[in-house]
């Protein structure tokens, strides 16, 4: 995995206010300072900014209320779950940056984001993990009669996930499901099938940035009110990947638990992104201290 280029990891000089908006290019290597505004269009609560990345300061219950409202009104609402890896990678990937900034709702998926924001006094109430949110929405679907669609994972894993959902929620009516092993040439057929299903919500279980590119490219054509990328969430539903114990999750070490489960696949990702993120935070703190000293000196 490629490492972050030194020039791509320069921190924003100030983390809030007009100065942060004008300094966005330092953060994301030439991105537009106006881009985060799009993330406030369809969410009732305006986003705050962490290194100028928009994040909606919602609790789990507030997020669920937004999702339910969108499904009832069949109002488009695209959710992006922000974790450390995604924040680091969007600094060097213009397309991923546009995908995140173009979402209607950006939630805190990782404890690293929550901890980092709190260091800088940015008000985020709690972590709303993508897998937890998906499971709560699926339970809501079973209760209220909404129909979900699952897209992603290997065929046998997807089948196991659907079987587990049927066991947990006998009243749940699936709009449909399709595995994630399809080519770009097959995407129009996949999109047409999802649109025809009249699903109320869509969970895209593919890696970053593929899921973000798929949602951005086909958002309007999908015709689904609520769309959310869930990464390996379908694997979790199927029981293929275990969630970390609650203590590991709350302490911010879920990434280590994942690495211990899948060392070959995960160690390099977490090593490079966690080290880069630590550097971003450290540089931001130094810059903040320097700015304060200059202002008082």
C-alpha atoms as a PDB file:
ATOM      1  CA  UNK A   1       0.000   0.000   0.000  1.00  0.00           C
ATOM      2  CA  UNK A   2       1.297   3.424  -0.898  1.00  0.00           C
ATOM      3  CA  UNK A   3       2.231   5.777   1.883  1.00  0.00           C
ATOM      4  CA  UNK A   4       1.015   9.341   2.175  1.00  0.00           C
ATOM      5  CA  UNK A   5       3.237  11.831   0.392  1.00  0.00           C
ATOM      6  CA  UNK A   6       4.710  14.405   2.777  1.00  0.00           C
ATOM      7  CA  UNK A   7       3.093  17.312   0.994  1.00  0.00           C
ATOM      8  CA  UNK A   8      -0.331  15.657   1.303  1.00  0.00           C
ATOM      9  CA  UNK A   9      -0.208  15.495   5.079  1.00  0.00           C
ATOM     10  CA  UNK A  10       0.151  19.186   5.873  1.00  0.00           C
ATOM     11  CA  UNK A  11      -2.368  20.136   8.581  1.00  0.00           C
ATOM     12  CA  UNK A  12      -4.913  22.880   8.369  1.00  0.00           C
ATOM     13  CA  UNK A  13      -3.560  25.916  10.228  1.00  0.00           C
ATOM     14  CA  UNK A  14      -6.849  26.524  12.062  1.00  0.00           C
ATOM     15  CA  UNK A  15      -9.608  23.966  12.583  1.00  0.00           C
ATOM     16  CA  UNK A  16     -12.632  26.214  12.575  1.00  0.00           C
ATOM     17  CA  UNK A  17     -14.055  29.390  11.086  1.00  0.00           C
ATOM     18  CA  UNK A  18     -13.290  31.270   7.894  1.00  0.00           C
ATOM     19  CA  UNK A  19      -9.570  30.652   8.118  1.00  0.00           C
ATOM     20  CA  UNK A  20     -10.163  26.914   7.927  1.00  0.00           C
ATOM     21  CA  UNK A  21     -12.259  27.322   4.795  1.00  0.00           C
ATOM     22  CA  UNK A  22      -9.579  29.299   2.993  1.00  0.00           C
ATOM     23  CA  UNK A  23      -6.861  26.839   4.004  1.00  0.00           C
ATOM     24  CA  UNK A  24      -8.609  23.737   2.705  1.00  0.00           C
ATOM     25  CA  UNK A  25      -6.122  23.368  -0.126  1.00  0.00           C
ATOM     26  CA  UNK A  26      -3.366  22.709   2.404  1.00  0.00           C
ATOM     27  CA  UNK A  27      -5.381  19.844   3.813  1.00  0.00           C
ATOM     28  CA  UNK A  28      -6.503  18.022   0.701  1.00  0.00           C
ATOM     29  CA  UNK A  29      -3.989  19.118  -1.852  1.00  0.00           C
ATOM     30  CA  UNK A  30      -6.022  21.600  -3.846  1.00  0.00           C
ATOM     31  CA  UNK A  31      -9.609  20.745  -2.913  1.00  0.00           C
ATOM     32  CA  UNK A  32     -12.325  23.346  -2.951  1.00  0.00           C
ATOM     33  CA  UNK A  33     -13.161  25.025   0.344  1.00  0.00           C
ATOM     34  CA  UNK A  34     -16.792  25.260  -0.751  1.00  0.00           C
ATOM     35  CA  UNK A  35     -17.165  21.522  -1.296  1.00  0.00           C
ATOM     36  CA  UNK A  36     -18.122  20.630   2.320  1.00  0.00           C
ATOM     37  CA  UNK A  37     -21.237  22.808   2.075  1.00  0.00           C
ATOM     38  CA  UNK A  38     -22.932  20.123  -0.027  1.00  0.00           C
ATOM     39  CA  UNK A  39     -22.926  17.771   2.945  1.00  0.00           C
ATOM     40  CA  UNK A  40     -25.411  20.010   4.774  1.00  0.00           C
ATOM     41  CA  UNK A  41     -28.064  20.056   2.075  1.00  0.00           C
ATOM     42  CA  UNK A  42     -30.324  17.205   3.154  1.00  0.00           C
ATOM     43  CA  UNK A  43     -29.555  16.766   6.848  1.00  0.00           C
ATOM     44  CA  UNK A  44     -31.466  18.727   9.499  1.00  0.00           C
ATOM     45  CA  UNK A  45     -28.319  19.429  11.558  1.00  0.00           C
ATOM     46  CA  UNK A  46     -25.444  21.293   9.897  1.00  0.00           C
ATOM     47  CA  UNK A  47     -22.031  19.600   9.890  1.00  0.00           C
ATOM     48  CA  UNK A  48     -19.057  20.629  11.953  1.00  0.00           C
ATOM     49  CA  UNK A  49     -15.594  20.418  10.397  1.00  0.00           C
ATOM     50  CA  UNK A  50     -12.626  18.352  11.438  1.00  0.00           C
ATOM     51  CA  UNK A  51      -9.614  19.321   9.318  1.00  0.00           C
ATOM     52  CA  UNK A  52     -12.321  20.810   7.109  1.00  0.00           C
ATOM     53  CA  UNK A  53     -13.972  17.433   6.490  1.00  0.00           C
ATOM     54  CA  UNK A  54     -17.718  17.797   7.165  1.00  0.00           C
ATOM     55  CA  UNK A  55     -19.094  15.580   9.954  1.00  0.00           C
ATOM     56  CA  UNK A  56     -22.673  15.673  11.203  1.00  0.00           C
ATOM     57  CA  UNK A  57     -22.758  15.805  15.017  1.00  0.00           C
ATOM     58  CA  UNK A  58     -25.570  13.300  15.444  1.00  0.00           C
ATOM     59  CA  UNK A  59     -26.206  10.574  17.987  1.00  0.00           C
ATOM     60  CA  UNK A  60     -27.287   7.109  16.891  1.00  0.00           C
ATOM     61  CA  UNK A  61     -30.921   7.940  17.648  1.00  0.00           C
ATOM     62  CA  UNK A  62     -30.760  11.205  15.718  1.00  0.00           C
ATOM     63  CA  UNK A  63     -29.183   9.418  12.764  1.00  0.00           C
ATOM     64  CA  UNK A  64     -31.902   6.771  12.805  1.00  0.00           C
ATOM     65  CA  UNK A  65     -34.548   9.497  12.839  1.00  0.00           C
ATOM     66  CA  UNK A  66     -32.968  11.080   9.745  1.00  0.00           C
ATOM     67  CA  UNK A  67     -32.879   7.718   7.975  1.00  0.00           C
ATOM     68  CA  UNK A  68     -36.473   6.831   8.856  1.00  0.00           C
ATOM     69  CA  UNK A  69     -37.692  10.234   7.692  1.00  0.00           C
ATOM     70  CA  UNK A  70     -35.893   9.820   4.364  1.00  0.00           C
ATOM     71  CA  UNK A  71     -37.353   6.349   3.803  1.00  0.00           C
ATOM     72  CA  UNK A  72     -40.890   7.422   4.687  1.00  0.00           C
ATOM     73  CA  UNK A  73     -40.757  10.437   2.389  1.00  0.00           C
ATOM     74  CA  UNK A  74     -38.685   8.590  -0.240  1.00  0.00           C
ATOM     75  CA  UNK A  75     -36.254  11.490   0.002  1.00  0.00           C
ATOM     76  CA  UNK A  76     -32.668  10.914  -1.221  1.00  0.00           C
ATOM     77  CA  UNK A  77     -30.177  10.591   1.640  1.00  0.00           C
ATOM     78  CA  UNK A  78     -26.680   9.221   1.111  1.00  0.00           C
ATOM     79  CA  UNK A  79     -24.653   8.309   4.192  1.00  0.00           C
ATOM     80  CA  UNK A  80     -20.863   8.068   4.440  1.00  0.00           C
ATOM     81  CA  UNK A  81     -19.174   6.557   7.494  1.00  0.00           C
ATOM     82  CA  UNK A  82     -15.925   8.393   8.210  1.00  0.00           C
ATOM     83  CA  UNK A  83     -13.035   6.553   9.831  1.00  0.00           C
ATOM     84  CA  UNK A  84      -9.325   7.285  10.143  1.00  0.00           C
ATOM     85  CA  UNK A  85      -8.368   5.444   6.959  1.00  0.00           C
ATOM     86  CA  UNK A  86     -10.923   7.339   4.902  1.00  0.00           C
ATOM     87  CA  UNK A  87      -9.904  10.720   6.326  1.00  0.00           C
ATOM     88  CA  UNK A  88      -6.247  10.019   5.544  1.00  0.00           C
ATOM     89  CA  UNK A  89      -6.923   8.665   2.062  1.00  0.00           C
ATOM     90  CA  UNK A  90      -9.229  11.461   0.912  1.00  0.00           C
ATOM     91  CA  UNK A  91      -6.310  13.864   1.383  1.00  0.00           C
ATOM     92  CA  UNK A  92      -4.562  12.300  -1.606  1.00  0.00           C
ATOM     93  CA  UNK A  93      -7.565  10.986  -3.572  1.00  0.00           C
ATOM     94  CA  UNK A  94      -9.579  13.770  -5.192  1.00  0.00           C
ATOM     95  CA  UNK A  95     -12.393  11.443  -6.229  1.00  0.00           C
ATOM     96  CA  UNK A  96     -12.795  10.009  -2.727  1.00  0.00           C
ATOM     97  CA  UNK A  97     -12.749  13.543  -1.340  1.00  0.00           C
ATOM     98  CA  UNK A  98     -15.555  14.537  -3.711  1.00  0.00           C
ATOM     99  CA  UNK A  99     -17.538  11.410  -2.777  1.00  0.00           C
ATOM    100  CA  UNK A 100     -17.306  12.157   0.953  1.00  0.00           C
ATOM    101  CA  UNK A 101     -17.977  15.877   0.603  1.00  0.00           C
ATOM    102  CA  UNK A 102     -20.891  15.155  -1.732  1.00  0.00           C
ATOM    103  CA  UNK A 103     -22.703  12.894   0.744  1.00  0.00           C
ATOM    104  CA  UNK A 104     -25.820  14.141   2.520  1.00  0.00           C
ATOM    105  CA  UNK A 105     -24.856  12.701   5.900  1.00  0.00           C
ATOM    106  CA  UNK A 106     -21.325  12.031   7.186  1.00  0.00           C
ATOM    107  CA  UNK A 107     -21.139  10.038  10.413  1.00  0.00           C
ATOM    108  CA  UNK A 108     -18.340   9.168  12.833  1.00  0.00           C
ATOM    109  CA  UNK A 109     -17.462   5.539  12.173  1.00  0.00           C
ATOM    110  CA  UNK A 110     -14.183   5.345  14.083  1.00  0.00           C
ATOM    111  CA  UNK A 111     -13.191   6.173  17.649  1.00  0.00           C
ATOM    112  CA  UNK A 112     -10.007   7.727  16.271  1.00  0.00           C
ATOM    113  CA  UNK A 113     -12.096  10.440  14.609  1.00  0.00           C
ATOM    114  CA  UNK A 114     -14.078  11.016  17.789  1.00  0.00           C
ATOM    115  CA  UNK A 115     -10.966  11.221  19.981  1.00  0.00           C
ATOM    116  CA  UNK A 116      -9.147  13.484  17.519  1.00  0.00           C
ATOM    117  CA  UNK A 117     -12.075  15.879  17.178  1.00  0.00           C
ATOM    118  CA  UNK A 118     -12.411  16.168  20.935  1.00  0.00           C
ATOM    119  CA  UNK A 119      -8.707  17.036  21.264  1.00  0.00           C
ATOM    120  CA  UNK A 120      -9.422  20.117  19.157  1.00  0.00           C
ATOM    121  CA  UNK A 121     -12.676  20.938  20.950  1.00  0.00           C
ATOM    122  CA  UNK A 122     -14.923  19.960  18.056  1.00  0.00           C
ATOM    123  CA  UNK A 123     -18.348  18.883  19.401  1.00  0.00           C
ATOM    124  CA  UNK A 124     -19.179  15.348  18.289  1.00  0.00           C
ATOM    125  CA  UNK A 125     -21.577  13.555  20.647  1.00  0.00           C
ATOM    126  CA  UNK A 126     -20.676   9.918  20.015  1.00  0.00           C
ATOM    127  CA  UNK A 127     -19.454   7.324  17.579  1.00  0.00           C
ATOM    128  CA  UNK A 128     -22.107   5.986  15.191  1.00  0.00           C
ATOM    129  CA  UNK A 129     -20.367   2.902  13.841  1.00  0.00           C
ATOM    130  CA  UNK A 130     -21.440   1.915  10.344  1.00  0.00           C
ATOM    131  CA  UNK A 131     -22.093  -1.731  11.231  1.00  0.00           C
ATOM    132  CA  UNK A 132     -24.148  -0.759  14.284  1.00  0.00           C
ATOM    133  CA  UNK A 133     -26.148   1.731  12.234  1.00  0.00           C
ATOM    134  CA  UNK A 134     -26.800  -0.867   9.529  1.00  0.00           C
ATOM    135  CA  UNK A 135     -28.072  -3.372  12.077  1.00  0.00           C
ATOM    136  CA  UNK A 136     -30.319  -0.780  13.719  1.00  0.00           C
ATOM    137  CA  UNK A 137     -31.742   0.234  10.332  1.00  0.00           C
ATOM    138  CA  UNK A 138     -32.414  -3.407   9.418  1.00  0.00           C
ATOM    139  CA  UNK A 139     -34.275  -3.857  12.707  1.00  0.00           C
ATOM    140  CA  UNK A 140     -36.249  -0.688  11.908  1.00  0.00           C
ATOM    141  CA  UNK A 141     -37.078  -2.117   8.475  1.00  0.00           C
ATOM    142  CA  UNK A 142     -38.453  -5.296  10.064  1.00  0.00           C
ATOM    143  CA  UNK A 143     -40.557  -3.281  12.497  1.00  0.00           C
ATOM    144  CA  UNK A 144     -41.908  -0.653  10.112  1.00  0.00           C
ATOM    145  CA  UNK A 145     -42.164  -2.625   6.877  1.00  0.00           C
ATOM    146  CA  UNK A 146     -39.328  -0.958   4.978  1.00  0.00           C
ATOM    147  CA  UNK A 147     -37.581  -3.143   2.413  1.00  0.00           C
ATOM    148  CA  UNK A 148     -33.758  -3.250   2.304  1.00  0.00           C
ATOM    149  CA  UNK A 149     -31.417  -4.306  -0.503  1.00  0.00           C
ATOM    150  CA  UNK A 150     -27.962  -5.768   0.138  1.00  0.00           C
ATOM    151  CA  UNK A 151     -25.210  -5.349  -2.457  1.00  0.00           C
ATOM    152  CA  UNK A 152     -21.773  -6.824  -1.914  1.00  0.00           C
ATOM    153  CA  UNK A 153     -19.674  -9.682  -0.503  1.00  0.00           C
ATOM    154  CA  UNK A 154     -19.071 -13.098  -2.036  1.00  0.00           C
ATOM    155  CA  UNK A 155     -22.213 -15.013  -3.119  1.00  0.00           C
ATOM    156  CA  UNK A 156     -21.996 -17.583  -0.323  1.00  0.00           C
ATOM    157  CA  UNK A 157     -21.318 -14.913   2.301  1.00  0.00           C
ATOM    158  CA  UNK A 158     -24.265 -12.863   1.075  1.00  0.00           C
ATOM    159  CA  UNK A 159     -26.555 -15.890   1.265  1.00  0.00           C
ATOM    160  CA  UNK A 160     -25.412 -16.536   4.836  1.00  0.00           C
ATOM    161  CA  UNK A 161     -26.074 -12.895   5.753  1.00  0.00           C
ATOM    162  CA  UNK A 162     -29.604 -13.006   4.305  1.00  0.00           C
ATOM    163  CA  UNK A 163     -30.289 -16.253   6.166  1.00  0.00           C
ATOM    164  CA  UNK A 164     -29.092 -14.672   9.423  1.00  0.00           C
ATOM    165  CA  UNK A 165     -31.283 -11.624   8.862  1.00  0.00           C
ATOM    166  CA  UNK A 166     -34.288 -13.871   8.260  1.00  0.00           C
ATOM    167  CA  UNK A 167     -33.528 -15.698  11.504  1.00  0.00           C
ATOM    168  CA  UNK A 168     -33.194 -12.476  13.492  1.00  0.00           C
ATOM    169  CA  UNK A 169     -36.111 -10.665  11.880  1.00  0.00           C
ATOM    170  CA  UNK A 170     -38.760 -13.091  10.564  1.00  0.00           C
ATOM    171  CA  UNK A 171     -40.973 -10.187   9.478  1.00  0.00           C
ATOM    172  CA  UNK A 172     -38.242  -8.551   7.387  1.00  0.00           C
ATOM    173  CA  UNK A 173     -39.069  -8.320   3.692  1.00  0.00           C
ATOM    174  CA  UNK A 174     -35.981  -8.057   1.515  1.00  0.00           C
ATOM    175  CA  UNK A 175     -36.252  -5.945  -1.626  1.00  0.00           C
ATOM    176  CA  UNK A 176     -33.391  -7.986  -3.040  1.00  0.00           C
ATOM    177  CA  UNK A 177     -29.695  -8.730  -2.839  1.00  0.00           C
ATOM    178  CA  UNK A 178     -26.738  -9.238  -5.166  1.00  0.00           C
ATOM    179  CA  UNK A 179     -23.125 -10.187  -4.577  1.00  0.00           C
ATOM    180  CA  UNK A 180     -20.333  -7.684  -5.106  1.00  0.00           C
ATOM    181  CA  UNK A 181     -18.344  -9.579  -7.728  1.00  0.00           C
ATOM    182  CA  UNK A 182     -19.476  -7.886 -10.911  1.00  0.00           C
ATOM    183  CA  UNK A 183     -17.654  -5.956 -13.614  1.00  0.00           C
ATOM    184  CA  UNK A 184     -18.061  -2.339 -14.634  1.00  0.00           C
ATOM    185  CA  UNK A 185     -19.844  -3.539 -17.761  1.00  0.00           C
ATOM    186  CA  UNK A 186     -22.440  -5.279 -15.572  1.00  0.00           C
ATOM    187  CA  UNK A 187     -23.140  -2.232 -13.419  1.00  0.00           C
ATOM    188  CA  UNK A 188     -26.034  -0.874 -15.525  1.00  0.00           C
ATOM    189  CA  UNK A 189     -27.854  -4.192 -15.165  1.00  0.00           C
ATOM    190  CA  UNK A 190     -27.214  -4.228 -11.396  1.00  0.00           C
ATOM    191  CA  UNK A 191     -28.443  -0.650 -11.050  1.00  0.00           C
ATOM    192  CA  UNK A 192     -31.569  -1.381 -13.082  1.00  0.00           C
ATOM    193  CA  UNK A 193     -32.355  -4.360 -10.850  1.00  0.00           C
ATOM    194  CA  UNK A 194     -32.005  -2.286  -7.691  1.00  0.00           C
ATOM    195  CA  UNK A 195     -34.206   0.455  -9.125  1.00  0.00           C
ATOM    196  CA  UNK A 196     -36.861  -2.063 -10.138  1.00  0.00           C
ATOM    197  CA  UNK A 197     -36.895  -3.534  -6.628  1.00  0.00           C
ATOM    198  CA  UNK A 198     -38.279  -0.270  -5.178  1.00  0.00           C
ATOM    199  CA  UNK A 199     -36.083  -0.767  -2.139  1.00  0.00           C
ATOM    200  CA  UNK A 200     -36.325   1.724   0.713  1.00  0.00           C
ATOM    201  CA  UNK A 201     -32.648   1.435   1.634  1.00  0.00           C
ATOM    202  CA  UNK A 202     -29.493   0.070   0.048  1.00  0.00           C
ATOM    203  CA  UNK A 203     -26.395  -1.209   1.856  1.00  0.00           C
ATOM    204  CA  UNK A 204     -23.289  -1.360  -0.327  1.00  0.00           C
ATOM    205  CA  UNK A 205     -20.802  -3.838   1.137  1.00  0.00           C
ATOM    206  CA  UNK A 206     -17.704  -3.180  -0.928  1.00  0.00           C
ATOM    207  CA  UNK A 207     -14.265  -1.738  -0.080  1.00  0.00           C
ATOM    208  CA  UNK A 208     -13.313   1.928  -0.195  1.00  0.00           C
ATOM    209  CA  UNK A 209     -13.145   3.603  -2.673  1.00  0.00           C
ATOM    210  CA  UNK A 210     -15.193   1.210  -4.828  1.00  0.00           C
ATOM    211  CA  UNK A 211     -18.394   1.606  -2.825  1.00  0.00           C
ATOM    212  CA  UNK A 212     -18.098   5.401  -2.799  1.00  0.00           C
ATOM    213  CA  UNK A 213     -17.523   5.450  -6.566  1.00  0.00           C
ATOM    214  CA  UNK A 214     -20.513   3.169  -7.150  1.00  0.00           C
ATOM    215  CA  UNK A 215     -22.836   5.296  -5.024  1.00  0.00           C
ATOM    216  CA  UNK A 216     -21.620   8.553  -6.560  1.00  0.00           C
ATOM    217  CA  UNK A 217     -21.877   7.273 -10.137  1.00  0.00           C
ATOM    218  CA  UNK A 218     -25.362   5.757  -9.801  1.00  0.00           C
ATOM    219  CA  UNK A 219     -27.014   7.698  -6.995  1.00  0.00           C
ATOM    220  CA  UNK A 220     -29.837   9.161  -9.075  1.00  0.00           C
ATOM    221  CA  UNK A 221     -30.368   6.053 -11.201  1.00  0.00           C
ATOM    222  CA  UNK A 222     -30.695   3.734  -8.187  1.00  0.00           C
ATOM    223  CA  UNK A 223     -33.983   5.316  -7.094  1.00  0.00           C
ATOM    224  CA  UNK A 224     -33.429   4.269  -3.460  1.00  0.00           C
ATOM    225  CA  UNK A 225     -34.139   6.836  -0.717  1.00  0.00           C
ATOM    226  CA  UNK A 226     -31.392   5.861   1.740  1.00  0.00           C
ATOM    227  CA  UNK A 227     -28.032   4.617   0.498  1.00  0.00           C
ATOM    228  CA  UNK A 228     -25.123   3.660   2.735  1.00  0.00           C
ATOM    229  CA  UNK A 229     -21.724   2.073   2.262  1.00  0.00           C
ATOM    230  CA  UNK A 230     -21.028  -0.625   4.853  1.00  0.00           C
ATOM    231  CA  UNK A 231     -17.639  -2.016   3.771  1.00  0.00           C
ATOM    232  CA  UNK A 232     -17.331  -5.455   5.368  1.00  0.00           C
ATOM    233  CA  UNK A 233     -20.674  -5.143   7.143  1.00  0.00           C
ATOM    234  CA  UNK A 234     -22.231  -8.002   5.186  1.00  0.00           C
ATOM    235  CA  UNK A 235     -19.357 -10.235   6.310  1.00  0.00           C
ATOM    236  CA  UNK A 236     -20.204  -9.281   9.900  1.00  0.00           C
ATOM    237  CA  UNK A 237     -23.890 -10.106   9.375  1.00  0.00           C
ATOM    238  CA  UNK A 238     -22.897 -13.495   7.981  1.00  0.00           C
ATOM    239  CA  UNK A 239     -20.696 -14.225  10.986  1.00  0.00           C
ATOM    240  CA  UNK A 240     -17.547 -14.394   8.867  1.00  0.00           C
ATOM    241  CA  UNK A 241     -15.969 -11.452  10.715  1.00  0.00           C
ATOM    242  CA  UNK A 242     -16.492 -10.925  14.433  1.00  0.00           C
ATOM    243  CA  UNK A 243     -16.924  -7.511  15.998  1.00  0.00           C
ATOM    244  CA  UNK A 244     -14.484  -6.542  18.701  1.00  0.00           C
ATOM    245  CA  UNK A 245     -15.698  -6.787  22.302  1.00  0.00           C
ATOM    246  CA  UNK A 246     -17.362  -3.597  23.546  1.00  0.00           C
ATOM    247  CA  UNK A 247     -14.351  -2.661  25.680  1.00  0.00           C
ATOM    248  CA  UNK A 248     -12.075  -2.788  22.622  1.00  0.00           C
ATOM    249  CA  UNK A 249     -14.547  -0.691  20.619  1.00  0.00           C
ATOM    250  CA  UNK A 250     -14.963   2.008  23.262  1.00  0.00           C
ATOM    251  CA  UNK A 251     -11.233   2.293  23.927  1.00  0.00           C
ATOM    252  CA  UNK A 252     -10.455   2.862  20.248  1.00  0.00           C
ATOM    253  CA  UNK A 253      -8.676  -0.462  19.674  1.00  0.00           C
ATOM    254  CA  UNK A 254     -11.182  -2.167  17.385  1.00  0.00           C
ATOM    255  CA  UNK A 255      -8.628  -1.746  14.593  1.00  0.00           C
ATOM    256  CA  UNK A 256      -6.182  -3.926  16.558  1.00  0.00           C
ATOM    257  CA  UNK A 257      -8.834  -6.611  17.050  1.00  0.00           C
ATOM    258  CA  UNK A 258      -9.504  -6.584  13.304  1.00  0.00           C
ATOM    259  CA  UNK A 259      -5.784  -6.858  12.592  1.00  0.00           C
ATOM    260  CA  UNK A 260      -5.490  -9.882  14.878  1.00  0.00           C
ATOM    261  CA  UNK A 261      -8.338 -11.548  12.973  1.00  0.00           C
ATOM    262  CA  UNK A 262      -6.994 -10.752   9.499  1.00  0.00           C
ATOM    263  CA  UNK A 263      -3.284  -9.889   9.919  1.00  0.00           C
ATOM    264  CA  UNK A 264      -2.247 -10.412   6.296  1.00  0.00           C
ATOM    265  CA  UNK A 265      -4.965  -8.160   4.922  1.00  0.00           C
ATOM    266  CA  UNK A 266      -5.226  -5.481   7.613  1.00  0.00           C
ATOM    267  CA  UNK A 267      -1.808  -4.821   9.176  1.00  0.00           C
ATOM    268  CA  UNK A 268      -0.405  -2.666   6.388  1.00  0.00           C
ATOM    269  CA  UNK A 269      -3.593  -0.621   6.034  1.00  0.00           C
ATOM    270  CA  UNK A 270      -3.781   0.191   9.733  1.00  0.00           C
ATOM    271  CA  UNK A 271      -0.056   0.794  10.082  1.00  0.00           C
ATOM    272  CA  UNK A 272       0.127   3.331   7.257  1.00  0.00           C
ATOM    273  CA  UNK A 273      -3.130   5.158   7.980  1.00  0.00           C
ATOM    274  CA  UNK A 274      -2.769   5.229  11.775  1.00  0.00           C
ATOM    275  CA  UNK A 275       0.787   6.555  11.576  1.00  0.00           C
ATOM    276  CA  UNK A 276      -0.281   9.177   9.024  1.00  0.00           C
ATOM    277  CA  UNK A 277      -3.242  10.180  11.197  1.00  0.00           C
ATOM    278  CA  UNK A 278      -1.040  10.530  14.274  1.00  0.00           C
ATOM    279  CA  UNK A 279       1.213  12.820  12.248  1.00  0.00           C
ATOM    280  CA  UNK A 280      -1.765  14.901  11.119  1.00  0.00           C
ATOM    281  CA  UNK A 281      -2.953  15.365  14.697  1.00  0.00           C
ATOM    282  CA  UNK A 282       0.531  16.183  15.980  1.00  0.00           C
ATOM    283  CA  UNK A 283       1.160  18.721  13.232  1.00  0.00           C
ATOM    284  CA  UNK A 284      -2.249  20.266  13.844  1.00  0.00           C
ATOM    285  CA  UNK A 285      -1.523  20.652  17.545  1.00  0.00           C
ATOM    286  CA  UNK A 286       1.864  22.234  16.858  1.00  0.00           C
ATOM    287  CA  UNK A 287       0.356  24.656  14.363  1.00  0.00           C
ATOM    288  CA  UNK A 288      -2.437  25.508  16.763  1.00  0.00           C
ATOM    289  CA  UNK A 289       0.031  26.219  19.574  1.00  0.00           C
ATOM    290  CA  UNK A 290       2.206  28.310  17.268  1.00  0.00           C
ATOM    291  CA  UNK A 291      -0.795  30.330  16.097  1.00  0.00           C
ATOM    292  CA  UNK A 292      -1.899  31.006  19.671  1.00  0.00           C
ATOM    293  CA  UNK A 293       1.590  32.118  20.688  1.00  0.00           C
ATOM    294  CA  UNK A 294       1.784  34.449  17.701  1.00  0.00           C
ATOM    295  CA  UNK A 295      -1.619  35.908  18.567  1.00  0.00           C
ATOM    296  CA  UNK A 296      -0.640  36.590  22.192  1.00  0.00           C
ATOM    297  CA  UNK A 297       2.952  37.581  21.563  1.00  0.00           C
END
